[in-house]
Amino acid sequence: MNSICITTYNGEKYIKAQLDSILPQLGIDDEIIISDDGSTDQTLKIINGYDDKRIKLLNHKQTTKYVRFPFYKTTKNIENALVYTKGDLIFLVDQDDSWVSTKMQKVTEEMDSNLCLLHDCIVVDQNGNELLPSYFDQNRSGMGIIPNLWKNSYLGCCMVIRKELLKTALPFPKIPVPHDIWLGLLAEWKGNTKMINNKLLYYRRHKSNQSTASGKSKLDYLYRIQYRLNICLAFIVRIGFKR
């Protein structure tokens, strides 16, 4: 059984294309867990328009006060979805991308016994036009705890994890950390990660994106230092307690 975790917030423009790219690849026992963060547009209406029992919609009440770190709202929203998952394999999904038609098949073939798999993607604009043929090449992506603390390669929408990893990863830290870096680093610590060059996603970049991935960061230096320190502190505390 596979679980697809999607976080949404005012995603009416792209959520249908994303769901339409995922549903044909799922088995009858798979599930899509959607955690919505209080959308005020047509997102919920679009989701509810699908007559598919595999789709489970959750209403997430945002409680985070970390305004300086807007990514933490996504972190708490994806955490809300993760606690409801039942599948052994968990796919992390953004509302505005779309899957390549062979993604599920290829991930299933390549996952092996790893706790986390990271695949490449094609970067596209808001209209689906190609901007970059390879996110990995642009980002110089690679494995390793120290390299990823310095320059993160773990892009959530390109990650698949095993439910087993949640025993270590949940609950997410109370101090703000990006969910994808958090999950990737813990999988690295466990020693069970895999990176494949297959481009299995169209990664959409537009003006409403929270993440600066695939583009030059506009975040100030102190901001970047602070959230990395948060990650280091949370990581050290977690692995210390989980030994």
Protein backbone atom coordinates (compact mmCIF):
# COMPACT_ATOMS: atom_id res chain seq x y z
CA MET A 1 0.00 0.00 0.00
CA ASN A 2 1.20 3.49 -0.90
CA SER A 3 0.30 6.79 0.76
CA ILE A 4 0.39 10.07 -1.15
CA CYS A 5 0.67 13.11 1.15
CA ILE A 6 -0.36 16.44 -0.35
CA THR A 7 -0.43 19.79 1.42
CA THR A 8 -2.72 22.44 -0.03
CA TYR A 9 -3.40 26.12 0.45
CA ASN A 10 -5.26 28.15 -2.19
CA GLY A 11 -4.05 25.77 -4.89
CA GLU A 12 -7.01 25.97 -7.27
CA LYS A 13 -4.81 26.78 -10.25
CA TYR A 14 -2.81 23.54 -10.27
CA ILE A 15 -4.30 20.96 -7.89
CA LYS A 16 -6.46 19.28 -10.56
CA ALA A 17 -3.49 18.76 -12.89
CA GLN A 18 -1.53 17.29 -9.99
CA LEU A 19 -4.28 14.88 -8.93
CA ASP A 20 -4.95 13.88 -12.54
CA SER A 21 -1.27 12.94 -12.92
CA ILE A 22 -1.28 10.82 -9.75
CA LEU A 23 -4.58 8.93 -9.71
CA PRO A 24 -4.00 6.77 -12.82
CA GLN A 25 -0.81 5.44 -11.23
CA LEU A 26 -2.40 4.27 -7.97
CA GLY A 27 -3.66 0.86 -6.99
CA ILE A 28 -7.09 0.28 -5.49
CA ASP A 29 -5.65 0.03 -1.96
CA ASP A 30 -3.49 3.15 -2.18
CA GLU A 31 -4.50 6.42 -0.52
CA ILE A 32 -4.15 10.17 -1.04
CA ILE A 33 -4.02 12.13 2.21
CA ILE A 34 -4.62 15.84 1.57
CA SER A 35 -4.08 18.26 4.44
CA ASP A 36 -5.54 21.68 3.64
CA ASP A 37 -4.32 24.75 5.49
CA GLY A 38 -7.50 26.82 5.31
CA SER A 39 -7.92 27.46 1.58
CA THR A 40 -10.32 30.27 0.69
CA ASP A 41 -10.40 29.71 -3.07
CA GLN A 42 -11.85 26.75 -5.04
CA THR A 43 -9.25 24.20 -3.87
CA LEU A 44 -11.61 22.26 -1.59
CA LYS A 45 -14.40 22.28 -4.16
CA ILE A 46 -12.07 20.83 -6.78
CA ILE A 47 -10.85 18.10 -4.42
CA ASN A 48 -14.35 17.22 -3.28
CA GLY A 49 -15.38 16.96 -6.92
CA TYR A 50 -13.43 13.70 -7.27
CA ASP A 51 -15.60 10.66 -6.65
CA ASP A 52 -12.71 8.57 -5.38
CA LYS A 53 -12.66 6.90 -1.96
CA ARG A 54 -8.86 6.83 -2.01
CA ILE A 55 -8.80 10.61 -1.45
CA LYS A 56 -9.01 11.65 2.21
CA LEU A 57 -9.25 15.37 2.93
CA LEU A 58 -8.10 16.79 6.27
CA ASN A 59 -8.66 20.30 7.55
CA HIS A 60 -5.51 21.54 9.25
CA LYS A 61 -5.74 24.33 11.81
CA GLN A 62 -2.50 26.31 11.67
CA THR A 63 -1.10 27.14 15.11
CA THR A 64 2.54 28.01 14.37
CA LYS A 65 3.72 31.47 15.41
CA TYR A 66 7.03 31.36 13.52
CA VAL A 67 6.30 34.16 11.06
CA ARG A 68 10.01 34.58 10.29
CA PHE A 69 10.14 31.05 8.92
CA PRO A 70 7.12 30.66 6.59
CA PHE A 71 8.27 27.17 5.55
CA TYR A 72 7.31 25.97 9.03
CA LYS A 73 3.64 26.31 8.15
CA THR A 74 4.20 23.71 5.43
CA THR A 75 6.17 21.58 7.88
CA LYS A 76 3.26 21.48 10.33
CA ASN A 77 0.75 20.88 7.55
CA ILE A 78 2.68 17.92 6.12
CA GLU A 79 3.09 16.55 9.65
CA ASN A 80 -0.69 16.57 9.96
CA ALA A 81 -0.95 14.44 6.81
CA LEU A 82 1.85 12.06 7.79
CA VAL A 83 0.26 10.97 11.06
CA TYR A 84 -2.74 9.61 9.12
CA THR A 85 -0.78 7.55 6.59
CA LYS A 86 -1.24 3.79 6.45
CA GLY A 87 1.01 2.85 3.53
CA ASP A 88 4.53 1.45 3.73
CA LEU A 89 5.73 3.89 1.07
CA ILE A 90 4.91 7.58 1.53
CA PHE A 91 5.16 10.03 -1.38
CA LEU A 92 5.56 13.71 -0.47
CA VAL A 93 3.64 15.89 -2.90
CA ASP A 94 3.26 19.64 -3.55
CA GLN A 95 -0.05 20.96 -4.85
CA ASP A 96 1.37 22.67 -7.92
CA ASP A 97 3.62 20.07 -9.59
CA SER A 98 2.70 17.03 -11.68
CA TRP A 99 4.02 13.48 -11.89
CA VAL A 100 5.65 11.85 -14.88
CA SER A 101 3.48 8.91 -15.91
CA THR A 102 6.09 6.31 -14.84
CA LYS A 103 6.86 7.72 -11.38
CA MET A 104 5.07 5.15 -9.24
CA GLN A 105 6.42 2.23 -11.26
CA LYS A 106 10.01 3.49 -11.22
CA VAL A 107 10.02 4.33 -7.52
CA THR A 108 8.62 0.91 -6.67
CA GLU A 109 11.39 -0.72 -8.73
CA GLU A 110 14.18 1.39 -7.23
CA MET A 111 13.16 1.74 -3.59
CA ASP A 112 14.62 -1.57 -2.41
CA SER A 113 15.02 -1.54 1.39
CA ASN A 114 15.92 2.15 1.64
CA LEU A 115 14.18 4.48 4.08
CA CYS A 116 14.32 7.39 1.63
CA LEU A 117 14.58 7.72 -2.13
CA LEU A 118 15.32 11.01 -3.90
CA HIS A 119 14.76 11.40 -7.64
CA ASP A 120 15.52 14.15 -10.15
CA CYS A 121 12.92 16.40 -11.78
CA ILE A 122 12.37 18.76 -14.69
CA VAL A 123 11.84 22.39 -13.67
CA VAL A 124 8.99 24.11 -15.52
CA ASP A 125 7.30 27.51 -15.38
CA GLN A 126 3.69 28.24 -14.45
CA ASN A 127 2.55 27.21 -17.94
CA GLY A 128 4.51 23.96 -17.98
CA ASN A 129 7.31 25.21 -20.22
CA GLU A 130 10.72 23.73 -19.42
CA LEU A 131 13.09 26.00 -17.54
CA LEU A 132 15.74 23.47 -16.53
CA PRO A 133 16.17 19.88 -17.78
CA SER A 134 17.58 18.69 -14.45
CA TYR A 135 17.15 19.98 -10.91
CA PHE A 136 20.04 17.78 -9.76
CA ASP A 137 22.44 19.39 -12.23
CA GLN A 138 21.39 22.93 -11.32
CA ASN A 139 21.54 22.26 -7.58
CA ARG A 140 24.60 19.97 -7.70
CA SER A 141 22.61 17.54 -5.61
CA GLY A 142 24.23 14.78 -3.62
CA MET A 143 24.09 12.67 -0.49
CA GLY A 144 25.71 13.15 2.92
CA ILE A 145 24.67 14.79 6.19
CA ILE A 146 27.26 17.58 6.22
CA PRO A 147 26.85 18.52 2.51
CA ASN A 148 23.08 18.71 2.93
CA LEU A 149 23.33 20.89 6.01
CA TRP A 150 25.36 23.31 3.90
CA LYS A 151 23.34 23.03 0.68
CA ASN A 152 20.18 20.95 0.79
CA SER A 153 19.43 18.39 -1.92
CA TYR A 154 16.31 16.97 -0.31
CA LEU A 155 13.43 18.45 -2.28
CA GLY A 156 10.22 17.20 -0.68
CA CYS A 157 8.23 16.68 -3.87
CA CYS A 158 11.03 14.40 -5.16
CA MET A 159 11.16 12.29 -2.01
CA VAL A 160 9.62 8.94 -1.11
CA ILE A 161 10.06 7.58 2.41
CA ARG A 162 9.17 4.42 4.26
CA LYS A 163 6.67 4.71 7.09
CA GLU A 164 9.33 3.19 9.34
CA LEU A 165 11.23 6.51 9.19
CA LEU A 166 8.35 8.28 10.94
CA LYS A 167 9.20 6.42 14.15
CA THR A 168 12.29 8.63 14.33
CA ALA A 169 11.04 11.73 12.53
CA LEU A 170 7.74 12.35 14.34
CA PRO A 171 6.79 14.48 16.03
CA PHE A 172 8.55 17.23 14.09
CA PRO A 173 10.68 19.56 16.26
CA LYS A 174 9.00 22.50 17.95
CA ILE A 175 11.68 24.81 16.61
CA PRO A 176 11.16 25.54 12.89
CA VAL A 177 12.83 23.15 10.44
CA PRO A 178 11.97 22.39 6.79
CA HIS A 179 10.24 19.00 6.68
CA ASP A 180 12.16 17.66 3.69
CA ILE A 181 15.63 18.41 5.08
CA TRP A 182 14.54 16.94 8.41
CA LEU A 183 13.36 13.68 6.88
CA GLY A 184 16.36 13.41 4.55
CA LEU A 185 18.94 13.95 7.29
CA LEU A 186 17.33 11.38 9.58
CA ALA A 187 17.27 8.85 6.76
CA GLU A 188 20.96 9.60 6.14
CA TRP A 189 21.68 9.04 9.83
CA LYS A 190 19.96 5.67 9.58
CA GLY A 191 22.20 4.92 6.58
CA ASN A 192 19.37 3.98 4.20
CA THR A 193 19.06 6.54 1.41
CA LYS A 194 19.16 6.31 -2.36
CA MET A 195 19.42 8.94 -5.09
CA ILE A 196 18.39 8.20 -8.68
CA ASN A 197 18.79 10.39 -11.75
CA ASN A 198 15.40 9.58 -13.25
CA LYS A 199 13.33 12.72 -13.82
CA LEU A 200 9.95 11.69 -12.41
CA LEU A 201 8.33 15.06 -11.75
CA TYR A 202 7.56 18.37 -13.42
CA TYR A 203 8.59 20.84 -10.70
CA ARG A 204 6.62 24.02 -11.24
CA ARG A 205 8.13 27.38 -10.34
CA HIS A 206 5.90 30.46 -10.13
CA LYS A 207 5.63 33.65 -8.12
CA SER A 208 3.56 32.04 -5.37
CA ASN A 209 6.15 29.36 -4.49
CA GLN A 210 7.40 29.41 -0.91
CA SER A 211 10.57 27.50 -1.69
CA THR A 212 13.51 29.18 -3.43
CA ALA A 213 14.79 25.82 -4.70
CA SER A 214 16.09 25.86 -8.31
CA GLY A 215 16.57 29.62 -8.12
CA LYS A 216 18.88 32.02 -6.35
CA SER A 217 17.92 32.41 -2.72
CA LYS A 218 16.52 35.81 -1.76
CA LEU A 219 16.82 35.02 1.94
CA ASP A 220 19.23 37.12 3.97
CA TYR A 221 22.44 35.63 5.32
CA LEU A 222 21.38 35.65 8.98
CA TYR A 223 18.11 33.94 8.12
CA ARG A 224 19.93 31.13 6.35
CA ILE A 225 22.40 30.71 9.21
CA GLN A 226 19.64 30.68 11.81
CA TYR A 227 17.48 28.00 10.20
CA ARG A 228 20.55 25.82 9.63
CA LEU A 229 21.41 26.16 13.30
CA ASN A 230 17.82 25.17 14.09
CA ILE A 231 18.22 22.04 11.97
CA CYS A 232 21.55 21.13 13.58
CA LEU A 233 20.19 21.57 17.09
CA ALA A 234 16.99 19.63 16.41
CA PHE A 235 18.94 16.86 14.65
CA ILE A 236 21.45 16.44 17.49
CA VAL A 237 18.69 16.36 20.10
CA ARG A 238 16.62 13.82 18.14
CA ILE A 239 19.38 11.35 17.37
CA GLY A 240 20.56 11.61 20.96
CA PHE A 241 17.14 10.57 22.26
CA LYS A 242 16.69 7.87 19.61
CA ARG A 243 19.93 6.00 20.29
